[in-house]
Amino acid sequence: MIEAELKARVREPAVVRSGLEQMAVGRDEVYWDAYFDTSGADLDVNDRELRLRIVDGPDGTRSLLTYKEARVDEASGSKPEYETSVGEPEAVRAMLGGLGYAETMAFEKRCRNYEFTAYGRRMLATLVRVPEIDGTYVELETKVGDEGELRDALRDVRAVLGALGIGEGDLTAELYTDAVRERRTRES
């Protein structure tokens, strides 16, 4: 599956939140994201990601292991993604360590998620605040089976963002990991 996703800086969080609340009931969750790589940064060098996420939400705590391949669309940053639930995150950490992966970055994301259907597609919109970086972001994604579907899916994602008042100039492909790393480097 390819995650057809766009991310944007939100200039007016209350307006975007209100628009999303009209589409779906929001769900507040806190993500604890830990990224892993080899000592030679093999994944990062090849634009891939390996992440262990622990999610605290109203329905309890769950954990997910995610692997993302390299981007298939530079402008949006859309990537093939493989994700599975994890019952014992500490066991996964031990396994990853045994396979030669070390935690390279970890940070918190405070999210409000909205799941809805638009243009015949299941979509997930997430309002995001990362305490270590300034601003609020919105991520909007849908899943497609192959690259041939990506252009149309991104068109639909753009249309939903446009209805929320998010324009092309608000879009960003900046990664949270890069922004957090930059902030930590400035502060050290």
N, C-alpha and C. Protein backbone atom coordinates (compact mmCIF):
# COMPACT_ATOMS: atom_id res chain seq x y z
N MET A 1 0.83 -1.19 0.00
CA MET A 1 0.00 0.00 0.00
C MET A 1 0.87 1.25 0.00
N ILE A 2 0.43 2.25 -0.73
CA ILE A 2 1.12 3.54 -0.74
C ILE A 2 0.26 4.53 0.05
N GLU A 3 0.92 5.23 0.94
CA GLU A 3 0.27 6.25 1.72
C GLU A 3 0.30 7.54 0.91
N ALA A 4 -0.82 7.90 0.30
CA ALA A 4 -0.93 9.15 -0.44
C ALA A 4 -1.22 10.24 0.58
N GLU A 5 -0.21 11.02 0.91
CA GLU A 5 -0.32 11.95 2.04
C GLU A 5 0.23 13.31 1.68
N LEU A 6 -0.44 14.33 2.20
CA LEU A 6 0.08 15.69 2.15
C LEU A 6 0.10 16.24 3.56
N LYS A 7 1.10 17.05 3.83
CA LYS A 7 1.24 17.68 5.15
C LYS A 7 1.35 19.17 4.93
N ALA A 8 0.74 19.93 5.83
CA ALA A 8 0.77 21.39 5.70
C ALA A 8 0.90 22.05 7.06
N ARG A 9 1.50 23.21 7.06
CA ARG A 9 1.48 24.06 8.25
C ARG A 9 0.10 24.69 8.32
N VAL A 10 -0.43 24.79 9.52
CA VAL A 10 -1.77 25.33 9.72
C VAL A 10 -1.64 26.73 10.29
N ARG A 11 -2.16 27.70 9.56
CA ARG A 11 -2.10 29.09 10.01
C ARG A 11 -3.18 29.39 11.04
N GLU A 12 -4.35 28.78 10.86
CA GLU A 12 -5.47 29.01 11.77
C GLU A 12 -6.00 27.67 12.28
N PRO A 13 -5.35 27.12 13.32
CA PRO A 13 -5.74 25.80 13.83
C PRO A 13 -7.21 25.69 14.21
N ALA A 14 -7.79 26.73 14.81
CA ALA A 14 -9.20 26.65 15.23
C ALA A 14 -10.13 26.51 14.03
N VAL A 15 -9.81 27.19 12.93
CA VAL A 15 -10.64 27.12 11.73
C VAL A 15 -10.55 25.72 11.11
N VAL A 16 -9.33 25.18 11.02
CA VAL A 16 -9.16 23.84 10.44
C VAL A 16 -9.82 22.80 11.33
N ARG A 17 -9.63 22.94 12.63
CA ARG A 17 -10.26 21.98 13.56
C ARG A 17 -11.78 22.02 13.42
N SER A 18 -12.35 23.20 13.32
CA SER A 18 -13.80 23.33 13.16
C SER A 18 -14.26 22.64 11.88
N GLY A 19 -13.52 22.83 10.79
CA GLY A 19 -13.87 22.18 9.54
C GLY A 19 -13.80 20.67 9.63
N LEU A 20 -12.78 20.17 10.31
CA LEU A 20 -12.65 18.73 10.49
C LEU A 20 -13.75 18.17 11.38
N GLU A 21 -14.13 18.94 12.41
CA GLU A 21 -15.18 18.49 13.32
C GLU A 21 -16.52 18.34 12.59
N GLN A 22 -16.69 19.06 11.49
CA GLN A 22 -17.90 18.92 10.69
C GLN A 22 -17.87 17.65 9.84
N MET A 23 -16.67 17.09 9.63
CA MET A 23 -16.53 15.87 8.82
C MET A 23 -16.55 14.59 9.65
N ALA A 24 -16.07 14.69 10.90
CA ALA A 24 -15.95 13.50 11.74
C ALA A 24 -15.74 13.91 13.19
N VAL A 25 -15.93 12.96 14.09
CA VAL A 25 -15.64 13.17 15.50
C VAL A 25 -14.14 12.98 15.70
N GLY A 26 -13.49 13.95 16.33
CA GLY A 26 -12.05 13.86 16.56
C GLY A 26 -11.71 12.96 17.72
N ARG A 27 -10.50 12.43 17.67
CA ARG A 27 -9.99 11.52 18.71
C ARG A 27 -8.58 12.00 19.10
N ASP A 28 -8.42 12.42 20.36
CA ASP A 28 -7.11 12.87 20.84
C ASP A 28 -6.24 11.68 21.20
N GLU A 29 -4.99 11.72 20.71
CA GLU A 29 -4.03 10.67 21.01
C GLU A 29 -2.65 11.29 21.13
N VAL A 30 -1.80 10.66 21.92
CA VAL A 30 -0.39 11.05 22.02
C VAL A 30 0.42 9.91 21.44
N TYR A 31 1.30 10.26 20.48
CA TYR A 31 2.18 9.28 19.86
C TYR A 31 3.57 9.43 20.47
N TRP A 32 4.18 8.32 20.78
CA TRP A 32 5.57 8.27 21.20
C TRP A 32 6.30 7.53 20.08
N ASP A 33 6.98 8.28 19.22
CA ASP A 33 7.62 7.72 18.04
C ASP A 33 9.11 7.52 18.27
N ALA A 34 9.58 6.32 17.98
CA ALA A 34 11.01 6.01 18.04
C ALA A 34 11.43 5.49 16.67
N TYR A 35 12.46 6.09 16.11
CA TYR A 35 12.97 5.72 14.79
C TYR A 35 14.27 4.94 14.96
N PHE A 36 14.45 3.95 14.10
CA PHE A 36 15.60 3.06 14.18
C PHE A 36 16.35 3.06 12.85
N ASP A 37 17.67 2.83 12.94
CA ASP A 37 18.50 2.73 11.75
C ASP A 37 19.76 1.95 12.11
N THR A 38 20.53 1.62 11.09
CA THR A 38 21.81 0.96 11.31
C THR A 38 22.85 2.00 11.71
N SER A 39 24.02 1.55 12.14
CA SER A 39 25.08 2.50 12.52
C SER A 39 25.54 3.30 11.30
N GLY A 40 25.36 2.77 10.11
CA GLY A 40 25.73 3.49 8.89
C GLY A 40 24.59 4.30 8.30
N ALA A 41 23.48 4.42 9.02
CA ALA A 41 22.30 5.18 8.58
C ALA A 41 21.79 4.69 7.23
N ASP A 42 21.85 3.37 7.01
CA ASP A 42 21.44 2.80 5.73
C ASP A 42 20.01 3.16 5.34
N LEU A 43 19.10 3.16 6.31
CA LEU A 43 17.71 3.49 5.99
C LEU A 43 17.58 4.96 5.61
N ASP A 44 18.11 5.84 6.43
CA ASP A 44 18.00 7.28 6.18
C ASP A 44 18.63 7.67 4.84
N VAL A 45 19.80 7.13 4.54
CA VAL A 45 20.49 7.43 3.29
C VAL A 45 19.64 7.04 2.09
N ASN A 46 18.84 5.99 2.23
CA ASN A 46 18.00 5.51 1.14
C ASN A 46 16.55 5.95 1.27
N ASP A 47 16.29 6.99 2.10
CA ASP A 47 14.95 7.59 2.24
C ASP A 47 13.91 6.60 2.77
N ARG A 48 14.35 5.69 3.62
CA ARG A 48 13.44 4.71 4.22
C ARG A 48 13.34 4.99 5.72
N GLU A 49 12.29 4.45 6.34
CA GLU A 49 12.06 4.67 7.76
C GLU A 49 11.63 3.38 8.44
N LEU A 50 12.07 3.21 9.67
CA LEU A 50 11.63 2.12 10.53
C LEU A 50 11.25 2.75 11.87
N ARG A 51 9.96 2.62 12.21
CA ARG A 51 9.45 3.34 13.38
C ARG A 51 8.65 2.41 14.28
N LEU A 52 8.86 2.57 15.57
CA LEU A 52 8.03 1.94 16.59
C LEU A 52 7.23 3.05 17.25
N ARG A 53 5.90 2.93 17.18
CA ARG A 53 5.02 3.98 17.72
C ARG A 53 4.16 3.39 18.83
N ILE A 54 4.14 4.08 19.95
CA ILE A 54 3.23 3.75 21.04
C ILE A 54 2.20 4.85 21.09
N VAL A 55 0.92 4.48 21.02
CA VAL A 55 -0.18 5.42 20.96
C VAL A 55 -0.99 5.33 22.24
N ASP A 56 -1.09 6.46 22.94
CA ASP A 56 -1.96 6.55 24.12
C ASP A 56 -3.20 7.33 23.71
N GLY A 57 -4.37 6.70 23.87
CA GLY A 57 -5.61 7.35 23.47
C GLY A 57 -6.76 6.99 24.38
N PRO A 58 -7.95 7.42 24.03
CA PRO A 58 -9.12 7.19 24.88
C PRO A 58 -9.47 5.71 25.03
N ASP A 59 -9.03 4.89 24.08
CA ASP A 59 -9.33 3.46 24.13
C ASP A 59 -8.18 2.65 24.71
N GLY A 60 -7.19 3.30 25.30
CA GLY A 60 -6.05 2.59 25.87
C GLY A 60 -4.78 2.86 25.09
N THR A 61 -3.84 1.93 25.22
CA THR A 61 -2.53 2.06 24.59
C THR A 61 -2.35 0.94 23.57
N ARG A 62 -1.82 1.29 22.41
CA ARG A 62 -1.50 0.30 21.39
C ARG A 62 -0.14 0.65 20.80
N SER A 63 0.48 -0.33 20.17
CA SER A 63 1.80 -0.13 19.58
C SER A 63 1.79 -0.61 18.14
N LEU A 64 2.57 0.09 17.31
CA LEU A 64 2.65 -0.21 15.88
C LEU A 64 4.09 -0.18 15.42
N LEU A 65 4.45 -1.13 14.56
CA LEU A 65 5.75 -1.13 13.91
C LEU A 65 5.50 -0.79 12.45
N THR A 66 6.23 0.21 11.95
CA THR A 66 6.02 0.71 10.59
C THR A 66 7.33 0.75 9.84
N TYR A 67 7.28 0.27 8.60
CA TYR A 67 8.41 0.40 7.68
C TYR A 67 7.92 1.17 6.47
N LYS A 68 8.65 2.22 6.10
CA LYS A 68 8.31 3.01 4.92
C LYS A 68 9.46 2.93 3.93
N GLU A 69 9.10 2.61 2.68
CA GLU A 69 10.09 2.58 1.61
C GLU A 69 10.38 4.01 1.16
N ALA A 70 11.25 4.15 0.17
CA ALA A 70 11.60 5.45 -0.37
C ALA A 70 10.39 6.10 -1.04
N ARG A 71 10.42 7.42 -1.12
CA ARG A 71 9.33 8.19 -1.73
C ARG A 71 9.09 7.76 -3.17
N VAL A 72 7.82 7.70 -3.53
CA VAL A 72 7.46 7.46 -4.92
C VAL A 72 6.96 8.74 -5.57
N ASP A 73 6.83 9.80 -4.75
CA ASP A 73 6.42 11.11 -5.24
C ASP A 73 7.16 12.15 -4.41
N GLU A 74 8.13 12.83 -5.05
CA GLU A 74 8.95 13.80 -4.32
C GLU A 74 8.14 14.94 -3.74
N ALA A 75 7.22 15.50 -4.52
CA ALA A 75 6.49 16.69 -4.08
C ALA A 75 5.69 16.43 -2.81
N SER A 76 5.03 15.29 -2.73
CA SER A 76 4.19 15.00 -1.56
C SER A 76 4.94 14.23 -0.49
N GLY A 77 5.98 13.52 -0.89
CA GLY A 77 6.69 12.65 0.06
C GLY A 77 5.98 11.32 0.27
N SER A 78 4.99 11.01 -0.56
CA SER A 78 4.23 9.76 -0.41
C SER A 78 5.15 8.55 -0.56
N LYS A 79 4.94 7.56 0.32
CA LYS A 79 5.80 6.37 0.36
C LYS A 79 4.96 5.11 0.50
N PRO A 80 5.44 3.99 -0.05
CA PRO A 80 4.83 2.71 0.30
C PRO A 80 5.06 2.46 1.80
N GLU A 81 4.02 1.98 2.47
CA GLU A 81 4.08 1.82 3.92
C GLU A 81 3.54 0.46 4.33
N TYR A 82 4.24 -0.15 5.28
CA TYR A 82 3.82 -1.44 5.84
C TYR A 82 3.78 -1.28 7.35
N GLU A 83 2.63 -1.60 7.93
CA GLU A 83 2.44 -1.36 9.36
C GLU A 83 1.71 -2.54 9.98
N THR A 84 2.11 -2.87 11.21
CA THR A 84 1.45 -3.95 11.92
C THR A 84 1.39 -3.62 13.41
N SER A 85 0.37 -4.16 14.05
CA SER A 85 0.24 -4.00 15.50
C SER A 85 1.33 -4.81 16.20
N VAL A 86 1.75 -4.31 17.34
CA VAL A 86 2.79 -4.95 18.13
C VAL A 86 2.24 -5.16 19.54
N GLY A 87 2.31 -6.37 20.03
CA GLY A 87 1.82 -6.66 21.37
C GLY A 87 2.79 -6.29 22.47
N GLU A 88 4.07 -6.43 22.20
CA GLU A 88 5.11 -6.17 23.20
C GLU A 88 6.19 -5.26 22.61
N PRO A 89 6.03 -3.94 22.74
CA PRO A 89 7.00 -3.04 22.11
C PRO A 89 8.43 -3.23 22.61
N GLU A 90 8.60 -3.58 23.87
CA GLU A 90 9.97 -3.77 24.38
C GLU A 90 10.63 -4.99 23.75
N ALA A 91 9.84 -6.02 23.45
CA ALA A 91 10.37 -7.19 22.74
C ALA A 91 10.80 -6.79 21.33
N VAL A 92 10.02 -5.94 20.68
CA VAL A 92 10.38 -5.47 19.34
C VAL A 92 11.67 -4.66 19.40
N ARG A 93 11.80 -3.81 20.41
CA ARG A 93 13.06 -3.05 20.57
C ARG A 93 14.25 -3.99 20.67
N ALA A 94 14.09 -5.05 21.46
CA ALA A 94 15.17 -6.03 21.62
C ALA A 94 15.47 -6.73 20.30
N MET A 95 14.44 -7.09 19.58
CA MET A 95 14.63 -7.74 18.28
C MET A 95 15.36 -6.82 17.31
N LEU A 96 14.91 -5.58 17.23
CA LEU A 96 15.55 -4.63 16.32
C LEU A 96 17.02 -4.45 16.69
N GLY A 97 17.30 -4.35 17.99
CA GLY A 97 18.68 -4.22 18.44
C GLY A 97 19.50 -5.44 18.04
N GLY A 98 18.93 -6.61 18.20
CA GLY A 98 19.62 -7.83 17.82
C GLY A 98 19.89 -7.94 16.33
N LEU A 99 19.06 -7.27 15.54
CA LEU A 99 19.23 -7.26 14.08
C LEU A 99 20.15 -6.13 13.60
N GLY A 100 20.68 -5.35 14.55
CA GLY A 100 21.62 -4.29 14.18
C GLY A 100 21.02 -2.91 14.05
N TYR A 101 19.79 -2.73 14.50
CA TYR A 101 19.16 -1.41 14.44
C TYR A 101 19.21 -0.76 15.82
N ALA A 102 19.52 0.52 15.84
CA ALA A 102 19.56 1.28 17.09
C ALA A 102 18.58 2.44 16.98
N GLU A 103 18.05 2.85 18.12
CA GLU A 103 17.16 4.01 18.14
C GLU A 103 17.99 5.25 17.84
N THR A 104 17.56 6.00 16.82
CA THR A 104 18.29 7.20 16.41
C THR A 104 17.58 8.48 16.78
N MET A 105 16.28 8.39 17.03
CA MET A 105 15.48 9.58 17.32
C MET A 105 14.20 9.13 17.97
N ALA A 106 13.77 9.88 18.98
CA ALA A 106 12.46 9.62 19.61
C ALA A 106 11.88 10.96 20.02
N PHE A 107 10.57 11.09 19.82
CA PHE A 107 9.89 12.32 20.23
C PHE A 107 8.40 12.07 20.35
N GLU A 108 7.71 13.04 20.92
CA GLU A 108 6.27 12.98 21.17
C GLU A 108 5.52 13.81 20.14
N LYS A 109 4.37 13.28 19.72
CA LYS A 109 3.45 14.02 18.85
C LYS A 109 2.08 14.02 19.53
N ARG A 110 1.48 15.19 19.63
CA ARG A 110 0.13 15.31 20.18
C ARG A 110 -0.83 15.47 19.01
N CYS A 111 -1.73 14.52 18.87
CA CYS A 111 -2.54 14.43 17.66
C CYS A 111 -4.04 14.43 17.97
N ARG A 112 -4.79 14.97 17.03
CA ARG A 112 -6.25 14.84 17.01
C ARG A 112 -6.59 14.27 15.64
N ASN A 113 -7.12 13.04 15.64
CA ASN A 113 -7.38 12.29 14.42
C ASN A 113 -8.84 12.32 14.03
N TYR A 114 -9.07 12.39 12.72
CA TYR A 114 -10.41 12.40 12.16
C TYR A 114 -10.44 11.40 11.00
N GLU A 115 -11.33 10.42 11.08
CA GLU A 115 -11.48 9.45 10.00
C GLU A 115 -12.81 9.70 9.30
N PHE A 116 -12.78 9.78 7.97
CA PHE A 116 -13.99 10.07 7.20
C PHE A 116 -13.80 9.59 5.76
N THR A 117 -14.87 9.65 5.00
CA THR A 117 -14.82 9.32 3.58
C THR A 117 -15.07 10.59 2.77
N ALA A 118 -14.22 10.82 1.78
CA ALA A 118 -14.38 11.96 0.87
C ALA A 118 -13.96 11.49 -0.52
N TYR A 119 -14.72 11.89 -1.52
CA TYR A 119 -14.43 11.50 -2.90
C TYR A 119 -14.34 9.98 -3.04
N GLY A 120 -15.12 9.27 -2.24
CA GLY A 120 -15.14 7.82 -2.30
C GLY A 120 -13.93 7.14 -1.67
N ARG A 121 -13.12 7.89 -0.94
CA ARG A 121 -11.90 7.35 -0.33
C ARG A 121 -11.96 7.47 1.19
N ARG A 122 -11.48 6.44 1.89
CA ARG A 122 -11.29 6.54 3.33
C ARG A 122 -10.11 7.46 3.57
N MET A 123 -10.29 8.44 4.41
CA MET A 123 -9.22 9.40 4.69
C MET A 123 -9.00 9.52 6.19
N LEU A 124 -7.78 9.87 6.52
CA LEU A 124 -7.41 10.16 7.90
C LEU A 124 -6.75 11.53 7.91
N ALA A 125 -7.35 12.44 8.66
CA ALA A 125 -6.77 13.77 8.86
C ALA A 125 -6.27 13.83 10.30
N THR A 126 -5.08 14.36 10.47
CA THR A 126 -4.49 14.46 11.80
C THR A 126 -3.97 15.87 12.02
N LEU A 127 -4.48 16.53 13.04
CA LEU A 127 -3.90 17.80 13.49
C LEU A 127 -2.76 17.43 14.44
N VAL A 128 -1.58 17.97 14.19
CA VAL A 128 -0.38 17.55 14.91
C VAL A 128 0.32 18.73 15.56
N ARG A 129 0.71 18.51 16.81
CA ARG A 129 1.62 19.42 17.51
C ARG A 129 2.77 18.58 18.03
N VAL A 130 3.97 18.99 17.72
CA VAL A 130 5.17 18.36 18.26
C VAL A 130 5.75 19.37 19.24
N PRO A 131 5.73 19.05 20.55
CA PRO A 131 6.15 20.05 21.54
C PRO A 131 7.52 20.68 21.27
N GLU A 132 8.41 19.96 20.62
CA GLU A 132 9.76 20.49 20.39
C GLU A 132 9.86 21.45 19.21
N ILE A 133 8.82 21.53 18.38
CA ILE A 133 8.88 22.44 17.24
C ILE A 133 7.66 23.35 17.24
N ASP A 134 7.81 24.49 16.63
CA ASP A 134 6.74 25.48 16.63
C ASP A 134 5.67 25.13 15.60
N GLY A 135 4.45 25.50 15.90
CA GLY A 135 3.38 25.42 14.92
C GLY A 135 2.52 24.17 15.05
N THR A 136 1.43 24.23 14.29
CA THR A 136 0.49 23.12 14.17
C THR A 136 0.51 22.69 12.72
N TYR A 137 0.40 21.39 12.52
CA TYR A 137 0.40 20.82 11.18
C TYR A 137 -0.89 20.03 10.98
N VAL A 138 -1.25 19.83 9.72
CA VAL A 138 -2.31 18.89 9.39
C VAL A 138 -1.72 17.91 8.40
N GLU A 139 -1.98 16.64 8.64
CA GLU A 139 -1.62 15.58 7.71
C GLU A 139 -2.93 14.99 7.20
N LEU A 140 -3.02 14.77 5.91
CA LEU A 140 -4.21 14.14 5.34
C LEU A 140 -3.74 13.03 4.43
N GLU A 141 -4.25 11.83 4.68
CA GLU A 141 -3.79 10.68 3.92
C GLU A 141 -4.94 9.77 3.52
N THR A 142 -4.69 9.03 2.46
CA THR A 142 -5.53 7.93 2.03
C THR A 142 -4.59 6.88 1.49
N LYS A 143 -5.03 5.66 1.38
CA LYS A 143 -4.18 4.57 0.90
C LYS A 143 -4.56 4.21 -0.54
N VAL A 144 -3.55 3.90 -1.34
CA VAL A 144 -3.77 3.42 -2.70
C VAL A 144 -2.95 2.16 -2.92
N GLY A 145 -3.39 1.35 -3.87
CA GLY A 145 -2.74 0.08 -4.12
C GLY A 145 -1.45 0.17 -4.93
N ASP A 146 -1.35 1.18 -5.80
CA ASP A 146 -0.15 1.29 -6.63
C ASP A 146 0.07 2.74 -7.07
N GLU A 147 1.24 2.97 -7.67
CA GLU A 147 1.60 4.33 -8.09
C GLU A 147 0.65 4.91 -9.12
N GLY A 148 0.00 4.06 -9.91
CA GLY A 148 -0.93 4.52 -10.92
C GLY A 148 -2.13 5.25 -10.34
N GLU A 149 -2.46 4.96 -9.09
CA GLU A 149 -3.60 5.59 -8.42
C GLU A 149 -3.21 6.85 -7.65
N LEU A 150 -1.91 7.07 -7.49
CA LEU A 150 -1.42 8.11 -6.60
C LEU A 150 -1.85 9.52 -7.03
N ARG A 151 -1.73 9.84 -8.30
CA ARG A 151 -2.05 11.19 -8.77
C ARG A 151 -3.50 11.56 -8.44
N ASP A 152 -4.43 10.65 -8.73
CA ASP A 152 -5.85 10.92 -8.45
C ASP A 152 -6.11 11.02 -6.94
N ALA A 153 -5.46 10.18 -6.17
CA ALA A 153 -5.64 10.22 -4.72
C ALA A 153 -5.13 11.54 -4.15
N LEU A 154 -3.96 11.99 -4.61
CA LEU A 154 -3.43 13.26 -4.13
C LEU A 154 -4.30 14.44 -4.56
N ARG A 155 -4.91 14.34 -5.73
CA ARG A 155 -5.86 15.38 -6.17
C ARG A 155 -7.02 15.47 -5.17
N ASP A 156 -7.54 14.31 -4.75
CA ASP A 156 -8.65 14.29 -3.80
C ASP A 156 -8.22 14.81 -2.43
N VAL A 157 -7.01 14.47 -2.01
CA VAL A 157 -6.48 14.96 -0.74
C VAL A 157 -6.35 16.49 -0.80
N ARG A 158 -5.83 17.01 -1.91
CA ARG A 158 -5.71 18.46 -2.08
C ARG A 158 -7.07 19.14 -2.02
N ALA A 159 -8.07 18.51 -2.60
CA ALA A 159 -9.42 19.10 -2.59
C ALA A 159 -9.95 19.21 -1.17
N VAL A 160 -9.75 18.19 -0.36
CA VAL A 160 -10.20 18.24 1.04
C VAL A 160 -9.43 19.32 1.79
N LEU A 161 -8.13 19.37 1.60
CA LEU A 161 -7.33 20.41 2.26
C LEU A 161 -7.80 21.80 1.82
N GLY A 162 -8.08 21.96 0.55
CA GLY A 162 -8.57 23.24 0.05
C GLY A 162 -9.87 23.66 0.72
N ALA A 163 -10.77 22.68 0.93
CA ALA A 163 -12.04 22.97 1.61
C ALA A 163 -11.81 23.40 3.06
N LEU A 164 -10.67 23.01 3.62
CA LEU A 164 -10.31 23.40 4.99
C LEU A 164 -9.54 24.71 5.04
N GLY A 165 -9.31 25.32 3.87
CA GLY A 165 -8.58 26.58 3.81
C GLY A 165 -7.07 26.41 3.73
N ILE A 166 -6.61 25.20 3.41
CA ILE A 166 -5.18 24.92 3.28
C ILE A 166 -4.82 25.01 1.80
N GLY A 167 -3.93 25.95 1.46
CA GLY A 167 -3.53 26.13 0.07
C GLY A 167 -2.20 25.49 -0.25
N GLU A 168 -1.84 25.50 -1.51
CA GLU A 168 -0.57 24.91 -1.97
C GLU A 168 0.62 25.52 -1.24
N GLY A 169 0.56 26.80 -0.94
CA GLY A 169 1.67 27.46 -0.25
C GLY A 169 1.86 27.02 1.19
N ASP A 170 0.86 26.34 1.74
CA ASP A 170 0.95 25.85 3.12
C ASP A 170 1.58 24.46 3.19
N LEU A 171 1.64 23.77 2.05
CA LEU A 171 2.14 22.39 2.03
C LEU A 171 3.62 22.35 2.35
N THR A 172 4.05 21.28 3.00
CA THR A 172 5.45 21.08 3.32
C THR A 172 5.79 19.60 3.24
N ALA A 173 6.99 19.31 2.80
CA ALA A 173 7.48 17.93 2.78
C ALA A 173 8.50 17.74 3.90
N GLU A 174 8.68 18.76 4.75
CA GLU A 174 9.63 18.67 5.85
C GLU A 174 9.22 17.54 6.79
N LEU A 175 10.19 16.75 7.21
CA LEU A 175 9.93 15.65 8.13
C LEU A 175 10.04 16.15 9.57
N TYR A 176 9.18 15.62 10.44
CA TYR A 176 9.27 15.96 11.86
C TYR A 176 10.64 15.58 12.41
N THR A 177 11.16 14.45 11.98
CA THR A 177 12.47 14.01 12.48
C THR A 177 13.54 15.06 12.17
N ASP A 178 13.50 15.63 10.96
CA ASP A 178 14.49 16.65 10.59
C ASP A 178 14.30 17.91 11.44
N ALA A 179 13.05 18.33 11.64
CA ALA A 179 12.78 19.54 12.43
C ALA A 179 13.20 19.36 13.88
N VAL A 180 12.91 18.20 14.45
CA VAL A 180 13.30 17.93 15.84
C VAL A 180 14.82 17.86 15.95
N ARG A 181 15.47 17.18 15.01
CA ARG A 181 16.93 17.08 15.01
C ARG A 181 17.56 18.47 14.94
N GLU A 182 17.04 19.32 14.05
CA GLU A 182 17.56 20.68 13.90
C GLU A 182 17.39 21.46 15.20
N ARG A 183 16.24 21.35 15.82
CA ARG A 183 15.97 22.07 17.07
C ARG A 183 16.91 21.60 18.17
N ARG A 184 17.10 20.30 18.28
CA ARG A 184 18.00 19.76 19.31
C ARG A 184 19.43 20.18 19.07
N THR A 185 19.84 20.27 17.81
CA THR A 185 21.20 20.69 17.47
C THR A 185 21.40 22.16 17.85
N ARG A 186 20.41 23.00 17.56
CA ARG A 186 20.50 24.43 17.92
C ARG A 186 20.59 24.63 19.42
N GLU A 187 19.88 23.79 20.18
CA GLU A 187 19.82 23.96 21.63
C GLU A 187 20.99 23.31 22.38
N SER A 188 21.79 22.51 21.67
CA SER A 188 22.90 21.84 22.39
C SER A 188 24.18 22.61 22.30
